[in-house]
């Protein structure tokens, strides 16, 4: 099954995101689309991370394995 994640912000703070593994790579399509307005304000996460207005912020763990 293909997966399409549409988000304005993706913040992995203390969690994890896994797509497939080294032993079993994901065999389909995985797409992440960052949504939002071009002129939206920038973001601050925990008053320590300043980012744009469409972001993937990772202070946790993200792993993606696929073909």
PDB file of N, CA and C in Angstrom:
ATOM      1  N   UNK A   1       0.849  -1.181   0.000  1.00  0.00           N
ATOM      2  CA  UNK A   1       0.000   0.000   0.000  1.00  0.00           C
ATOM      3  C   UNK A   1       0.892   1.241   0.000  1.00  0.00           C
ATOM      4  N   UNK A   2       0.595   2.192  -0.872  1.00  0.00           N
ATOM      5  CA  UNK A   2       1.289   3.471  -0.883  1.00  0.00           C
ATOM      6  C   UNK A   2       0.781   4.339   0.267  1.00  0.00           C
ATOM      7  N   UNK A   3       1.634   5.216   0.763  1.00  0.00           N
ATOM      8  CA  UNK A   3       1.254   6.131   1.836  1.00  0.00           C
ATOM      9  C   UNK A   3       1.578   7.558   1.437  1.00  0.00           C
ATOM     10  N   UNK A   4       0.677   8.468   1.752  1.00  0.00           N
ATOM     11  CA  UNK A   4       0.886   9.892   1.480  1.00  0.00           C
ATOM     12  C   UNK A   4       0.498  10.657   2.738  1.00  0.00           C
ATOM     13  N   UNK A   5       1.486  11.233   3.385  1.00  0.00           N
ATOM     14  CA  UNK A   5       1.285  12.009   4.600  1.00  0.00           C
ATOM     15  C   UNK A   5       1.300  13.482   4.227  1.00  0.00           C
ATOM     16  N   UNK A   6       0.207  14.189   4.505  1.00  0.00           N
ATOM     17  CA  UNK A   6       0.108  15.617   4.217  1.00  0.00           C
ATOM     18  C   UNK A   6       0.030  16.364   5.536  1.00  0.00           C
ATOM     19  N   UNK A   7       1.039  17.189   5.810  1.00  0.00           N
ATOM     20  CA  UNK A   7       1.108  17.892   7.088  1.00  0.00           C
ATOM     21  C   UNK A   7       1.591  19.315   6.881  1.00  0.00           C
ATOM     22  N   UNK A   8       1.251  20.163   7.809  1.00  0.00           N
ATOM     23  CA  UNK A   8       1.807  21.513   7.811  1.00  0.00           C
ATOM     24  C   UNK A   8       3.130  21.517   8.561  1.00  0.00           C
ATOM     25  N   UNK A   9       3.165  20.779   9.659  1.00  0.00           N
ATOM     26  CA  UNK A   9       4.375  20.650  10.467  1.00  0.00           C
ATOM     27  C   UNK A   9       4.467  19.201  10.925  1.00  0.00           C
ATOM     28  N   UNK A  10       5.652  18.650  10.883  1.00  0.00           N
ATOM     29  CA  UNK A  10       5.898  17.321  11.418  1.00  0.00           C
ATOM     30  C   UNK A  10       6.997  17.470  12.459  1.00  0.00           C
ATOM     31  N   UNK A  11       6.648  17.270  13.720  1.00  0.00           N
ATOM     32  CA  UNK A  11       7.577  17.472  14.829  1.00  0.00           C
ATOM     33  C   UNK A  11       7.692  16.162  15.591  1.00  0.00           C
ATOM     34  N   UNK A  12       8.822  15.500  15.444  1.00  0.00           N
ATOM     35  CA  UNK A  12       9.099  14.264  16.170  1.00  0.00           C
ATOM     36  C   UNK A  12       9.971  14.658  17.347  1.00  0.00           C
ATOM     37  N   UNK A  13       9.346  14.822  18.505  1.00  0.00           N
ATOM     38  CA  UNK A  13      10.056  15.362  19.657  1.00  0.00           C
ATOM     39  C   UNK A  13      10.704  14.272  20.497  1.00  0.00           C
ATOM     40  N   UNK A  14       9.913  13.394  21.024  1.00  0.00           N
ATOM     41  CA  UNK A  14      10.463  12.339  21.865  1.00  0.00           C
ATOM     42  C   UNK A  14      10.010  10.977  21.356  1.00  0.00           C
ATOM     43  N   UNK A  15       9.427  10.981  20.169  1.00  0.00           N
ATOM     44  CA  UNK A  15       8.908   9.745  19.604  1.00  0.00           C
ATOM     45  C   UNK A  15       9.762   9.237  18.462  1.00  0.00           C
ATOM     46  N   UNK A  16       9.164   8.349  17.683  1.00  0.00           N
ATOM     47  CA  UNK A  16       9.882   7.720  16.586  1.00  0.00           C
ATOM     48  C   UNK A  16       8.952   7.562  15.391  1.00  0.00           C
ATOM     49  N   UNK A  17       9.526   7.639  14.194  1.00  0.00           N
ATOM     50  CA  UNK A  17       8.817   7.317  12.962  1.00  0.00           C
ATOM     51  C   UNK A  17       9.675   6.297  12.227  1.00  0.00           C
ATOM     52  N   UNK A  18       9.083   5.177  11.884  1.00  0.00           N
ATOM     53  CA  UNK A  18       9.770   4.148  11.109  1.00  0.00           C
ATOM     54  C   UNK A  18       8.967   3.865   9.849  1.00  0.00           C
ATOM     55  N   UNK A  19       9.659   3.823   8.718  1.00  0.00           N
ATOM     56  CA  UNK A  19       9.068   3.378   7.459  1.00  0.00           C
ATOM     57  C   UNK A  19       9.970   2.258   6.969  1.00  0.00           C
ATOM     58  N   UNK A  20       9.513   1.035   7.058  1.00  0.00           N
ATOM     59  CA  UNK A  20      10.341  -0.113   6.710  1.00  0.00           C
ATOM     60  C   UNK A  20      11.469  -0.308   7.698  1.00  0.00           C
ATOM     61  N   UNK A  21      12.350  -1.258   7.387  1.00  0.00           N
ATOM     62  CA  UNK A  21      13.527  -1.528   8.206  1.00  0.00           C
ATOM     63  C   UNK A  21      14.635  -2.025   7.283  1.00  0.00           C
ATOM     64  N   UNK A  22      15.847  -2.134   7.817  1.00  0.00           N
ATOM     65  CA  UNK A  22      16.945  -2.664   6.994  1.00  0.00           C
ATOM     66  C   UNK A  22      16.633  -4.085   6.545  1.00  0.00           C
ATOM     67  N   UNK A  23      16.032  -4.861   7.439  1.00  0.00           N
ATOM     68  CA  UNK A  23      15.705  -6.247   7.130  1.00  0.00           C
ATOM     69  C   UNK A  23      14.516  -6.361   6.184  1.00  0.00           C
ATOM     70  N   UNK A  24      13.550  -5.448   6.301  1.00  0.00           N
ATOM     71  CA  UNK A  24      12.348  -5.466   5.471  1.00  0.00           C
ATOM     72  C   UNK A  24      12.050  -4.063   4.955  1.00  0.00           C
ATOM     73  N   UNK A  25      12.745  -3.635   3.872  1.00  0.00           N
ATOM     74  CA  UNK A  25      12.522  -2.290   3.325  1.00  0.00           C
ATOM     75  C   UNK A  25      11.079  -2.107   2.848  1.00  0.00           C
ATOM     76  N   UNK A  26      10.572  -0.901   2.969  1.00  0.00           N
ATOM     77  CA  UNK A  26       9.228  -0.560   2.509  1.00  0.00           C
ATOM     78  C   UNK A  26       9.186  -0.729   0.997  1.00  0.00           C
ATOM     79  N   UNK A  27       8.236  -1.481   0.491  1.00  0.00           N
ATOM     80  CA  UNK A  27       8.202  -1.863  -0.919  1.00  0.00           C
ATOM     81  C   UNK A  27       7.267  -0.999  -1.770  1.00  0.00           C
ATOM     82  N   UNK A  28       6.707   0.045  -1.202  1.00  0.00           N
ATOM     83  CA  UNK A  28       5.751   0.875  -1.933  1.00  0.00           C
ATOM     84  C   UNK A  28       6.232   2.324  -1.934  1.00  0.00           C
ATOM     85  N   UNK A  29       5.374   3.232  -2.290  1.00  0.00           N
ATOM     86  CA  UNK A  29       5.718   4.653  -2.312  1.00  0.00           C
ATOM     87  C   UNK A  29       5.321   5.311  -1.008  1.00  0.00           C
ATOM     88  N   UNK A  30       6.227   6.137  -0.480  1.00  0.00           N
ATOM     89  CA  UNK A  30       5.956   6.948   0.709  1.00  0.00           C
ATOM     90  C   UNK A  30       6.229   8.391   0.325  1.00  0.00           C
ATOM     91  N   UNK A  31       5.224   9.229   0.492  1.00  0.00           N
ATOM     92  CA  UNK A  31       5.368  10.642   0.127  1.00  0.00           C
ATOM     93  C   UNK A  31       4.965  11.495   1.317  1.00  0.00           C
ATOM     94  N   UNK A  32       5.778  12.504   1.610  1.00  0.00           N
ATOM     95  CA  UNK A  32       5.451  13.486   2.643  1.00  0.00           C
ATOM     96  C   UNK A  32       5.311  14.827   1.946  1.00  0.00           C
ATOM     97  N   UNK A  33       4.137  15.434   2.053  1.00  0.00           N
ATOM     98  CA  UNK A  33       3.886  16.742   1.459  1.00  0.00           C
ATOM     99  C   UNK A  33       3.709  17.754   2.576  1.00  0.00           C
ATOM    100  N   UNK A  34       4.545  18.795   2.560  1.00  0.00           N
ATOM    101  CA  UNK A  34       4.424  19.874   3.540  1.00  0.00           C
ATOM    102  C   UNK A  34       3.441  20.902   2.995  1.00  0.00           C
ATOM    103  N   UNK A  35       2.360  21.106   3.725  1.00  0.00           N
ATOM    104  CA  UNK A  35       1.280  22.001   3.304  1.00  0.00           C
ATOM    105  C   UNK A  35       1.421  23.345   4.022  1.00  0.00           C
ATOM    106  N   UNK A  36       0.820  24.373   3.484  1.00  0.00           N
ATOM    107  CA  UNK A  36       0.809  25.657   4.165  1.00  0.00           C
ATOM    108  C   UNK A  36       0.909  26.808   3.203  1.00  0.00           C
ATOM    109  N   UNK A  37       0.847  27.993   3.749  1.00  0.00           N
ATOM    110  CA  UNK A  37       0.891  29.210   2.951  1.00  0.00           C
ATOM    111  C   UNK A  37       2.326  29.705   2.856  1.00  0.00           C
ATOM    112  N   UNK A  38       2.702  30.197   1.685  1.00  0.00           N
ATOM    113  CA  UNK A  38       4.068  30.658   1.446  1.00  0.00           C
ATOM    114  C   UNK A  38       4.470  31.779   2.400  1.00  0.00           C
ATOM    115  N   UNK A  39       3.542  32.661   2.733  1.00  0.00           N
ATOM    116  CA  UNK A  39       3.884  33.819   3.563  1.00  0.00           C
ATOM    117  C   UNK A  39       3.467  33.653   5.025  1.00  0.00           C
ATOM    118  N   UNK A  40       3.218  32.423   5.465  1.00  0.00           N
ATOM    119  CA  UNK A  40       2.870  32.181   6.867  1.00  0.00           C
ATOM    120  C   UNK A  40       4.079  32.498   7.760  1.00  0.00           C
ATOM    121  N   UNK A  41       3.808  32.811   9.006  1.00  0.00           N
ATOM    122  CA  UNK A  41       4.890  33.147   9.948  1.00  0.00           C
ATOM    123  C   UNK A  41       5.799  31.957  10.196  1.00  0.00           C
ATOM    124  N   UNK A  42       7.059  32.244  10.538  1.00  0.00           N
ATOM    125  CA  UNK A  42       7.981  31.175  10.926  1.00  0.00           C
ATOM    126  C   UNK A  42       7.593  30.658  12.306  1.00  0.00           C
ATOM    127  N   UNK A  43       8.103  29.487  12.640  1.00  0.00           N
ATOM    128  CA  UNK A  43       7.709  28.815  13.881  1.00  0.00           C
ATOM    129  C   UNK A  43       8.855  28.755  14.871  1.00  0.00           C
ATOM    130  N   UNK A  44       8.493  28.690  16.153  1.00  0.00           N
ATOM    131  CA  UNK A  44       9.466  28.417  17.218  1.00  0.00           C
ATOM    132  C   UNK A  44       8.973  27.192  17.971  1.00  0.00           C
ATOM    133  N   UNK A  45       9.856  26.230  18.133  1.00  0.00           N
ATOM    134  CA  UNK A  45       9.548  25.021  18.873  1.00  0.00           C
ATOM    135  C   UNK A  45      10.308  25.067  20.191  1.00  0.00           C
ATOM    136  N   UNK A  46       9.623  24.979  21.297  1.00  0.00           N
ATOM    137  CA  UNK A  46      10.228  24.976  22.636  1.00  0.00           C
ATOM    138  C   UNK A  46      11.107  26.191  22.887  1.00  0.00           C
ATOM    139  N   UNK A  47      10.871  27.283  22.185  1.00  0.00           N
ATOM    140  CA  UNK A  47      11.656  28.516  22.320  1.00  0.00           C
ATOM    141  C   UNK A  47      13.149  28.311  22.064  1.00  0.00           C
ATOM    142  N   UNK A  48      13.533  27.177  21.450  1.00  0.00           N
ATOM    143  CA  UNK A  48      14.938  26.930  21.167  1.00  0.00           C
ATOM    144  C   UNK A  48      15.208  26.684  19.689  1.00  0.00           C
ATOM    145  N   UNK A  49      14.200  26.233  18.965  1.00  0.00           N
ATOM    146  CA  UNK A  49      14.368  25.914  17.554  1.00  0.00           C
ATOM    147  C   UNK A  49      13.510  26.870  16.736  1.00  0.00           C
ATOM    148  N   UNK A  50      14.157  27.696  15.922  1.00  0.00           N
ATOM    149  CA  UNK A  50      13.430  28.570  15.004  1.00  0.00           C
ATOM    150  C   UNK A  50      13.453  27.912  13.643  1.00  0.00           C
ATOM    151  N   UNK A  51      12.292  27.825  13.000  1.00  0.00           N
ATOM    152  CA  UNK A  51      12.195  27.121  11.727  1.00  0.00           C
ATOM    153  C   UNK A  51      11.390  27.954  10.739  1.00  0.00           C
ATOM    154  N   UNK A  52      11.248  27.444   9.539  1.00  0.00           N
ATOM    155  CA  UNK A  52      10.426  28.092   8.528  1.00  0.00           C
ATOM    156  C   UNK A  52       8.949  27.901   8.842  1.00  0.00           C
ATOM    157  N   UNK A  53       8.102  27.977   7.835  1.00  0.00           N
ATOM    158  CA  UNK A  53       6.669  27.837   8.090  1.00  0.00           C
ATOM    159  C   UNK A  53       6.115  26.494   7.615  1.00  0.00           C
ATOM    160  N   UNK A  54       6.899  25.693   6.943  1.00  0.00           N
ATOM    161  CA  UNK A  54       6.537  24.320   6.580  1.00  0.00           C
ATOM    162  C   UNK A  54       7.764  23.479   6.903  1.00  0.00           C
ATOM    163  N   UNK A  55       7.693  22.684   7.949  1.00  0.00           N
ATOM    164  CA  UNK A  55       8.923  22.075   8.461  1.00  0.00           C
ATOM    165  C   UNK A  55       8.751  20.627   8.890  1.00  0.00           C
ATOM    166  N   UNK A  56       9.871  19.917   8.856  1.00  0.00           N
ATOM    167  CA  UNK A  56      10.029  18.642   9.550  1.00  0.00           C
ATOM    168  C   UNK A  56      11.101  18.886  10.596  1.00  0.00           C
ATOM    169  N   UNK A  57      10.723  18.794  11.866  1.00  0.00           N
ATOM    170  CA  UNK A  57      11.663  18.989  12.968  1.00  0.00           C
ATOM    171  C   UNK A  57      11.818  17.640  13.656  1.00  0.00           C
ATOM    172  N   UNK A  58      13.049  17.202  13.812  1.00  0.00           N
ATOM    173  CA  UNK A  58      13.298  15.901  14.412  1.00  0.00           C
ATOM    174  C   UNK A  58      14.279  16.034  15.566  1.00  0.00           C
ATOM    175  N   UNK A  59      13.782  15.855  16.782  1.00  0.00           N
ATOM    176  CA  UNK A  59      14.655  15.734  17.940  1.00  0.00           C
ATOM    177  C   UNK A  59      14.474  14.352  18.556  1.00  0.00           C
ATOM    178  N   UNK A  60      13.721  13.515  17.851  1.00  0.00           N
ATOM    179  CA  UNK A  60      13.497  12.129  18.255  1.00  0.00           C
ATOM    180  C   UNK A  60      14.262  11.207  17.330  1.00  0.00           C
ATOM    181  N   UNK A  61      13.533  10.367  16.601  1.00  0.00           N
ATOM    182  CA  UNK A  61      14.182   9.372  15.740  1.00  0.00           C
ATOM    183  C   UNK A  61      13.309   9.115  14.520  1.00  0.00           C
ATOM    184  N   UNK A  62      13.888   9.273  13.331  1.00  0.00           N
ATOM    185  CA  UNK A  62      13.198   8.947  12.079  1.00  0.00           C
ATOM    186  C   UNK A  62      14.082   8.010  11.289  1.00  0.00           C
ATOM    187  N   UNK A  63      13.506   6.885  10.838  1.00  0.00           N
ATOM    188  CA  UNK A  63      14.218   5.945   9.967  1.00  0.00           C
ATOM    189  C   UNK A  63      13.325   5.600   8.803  1.00  0.00           C
ATOM    190  N   UNK A  64      13.887   5.656   7.591  1.00  0.00           N
ATOM    191  CA  UNK A  64      13.140   5.277   6.395  1.00  0.00           C
ATOM    192  C   UNK A  64      14.014   4.362   5.561  1.00  0.00           C
ATOM    193  N   UNK A  65      13.496   3.181   5.275  1.00  0.00           N
ATOM    194  CA  UNK A  65      14.199   2.187   4.464  1.00  0.00           C
ATOM    195  C   UNK A  65      13.250   1.749   3.367  1.00  0.00           C
ATOM    196  N   UNK A  66      13.704   1.820   2.135  1.00  0.00           N
ATOM    197  CA  UNK A  66      12.845   1.406   1.033  1.00  0.00           C
ATOM    198  C   UNK A  66      13.631   1.136  -0.229  1.00  0.00           C
ATOM    199  N   UNK A  67      12.884   0.777  -1.260  1.00  0.00           N
ATOM    200  CA  UNK A  67      13.527   0.453  -2.540  1.00  0.00           C
ATOM    201  C   UNK A  67      13.798   1.691  -3.355  1.00  0.00           C
TER     202      UNK A  67
END
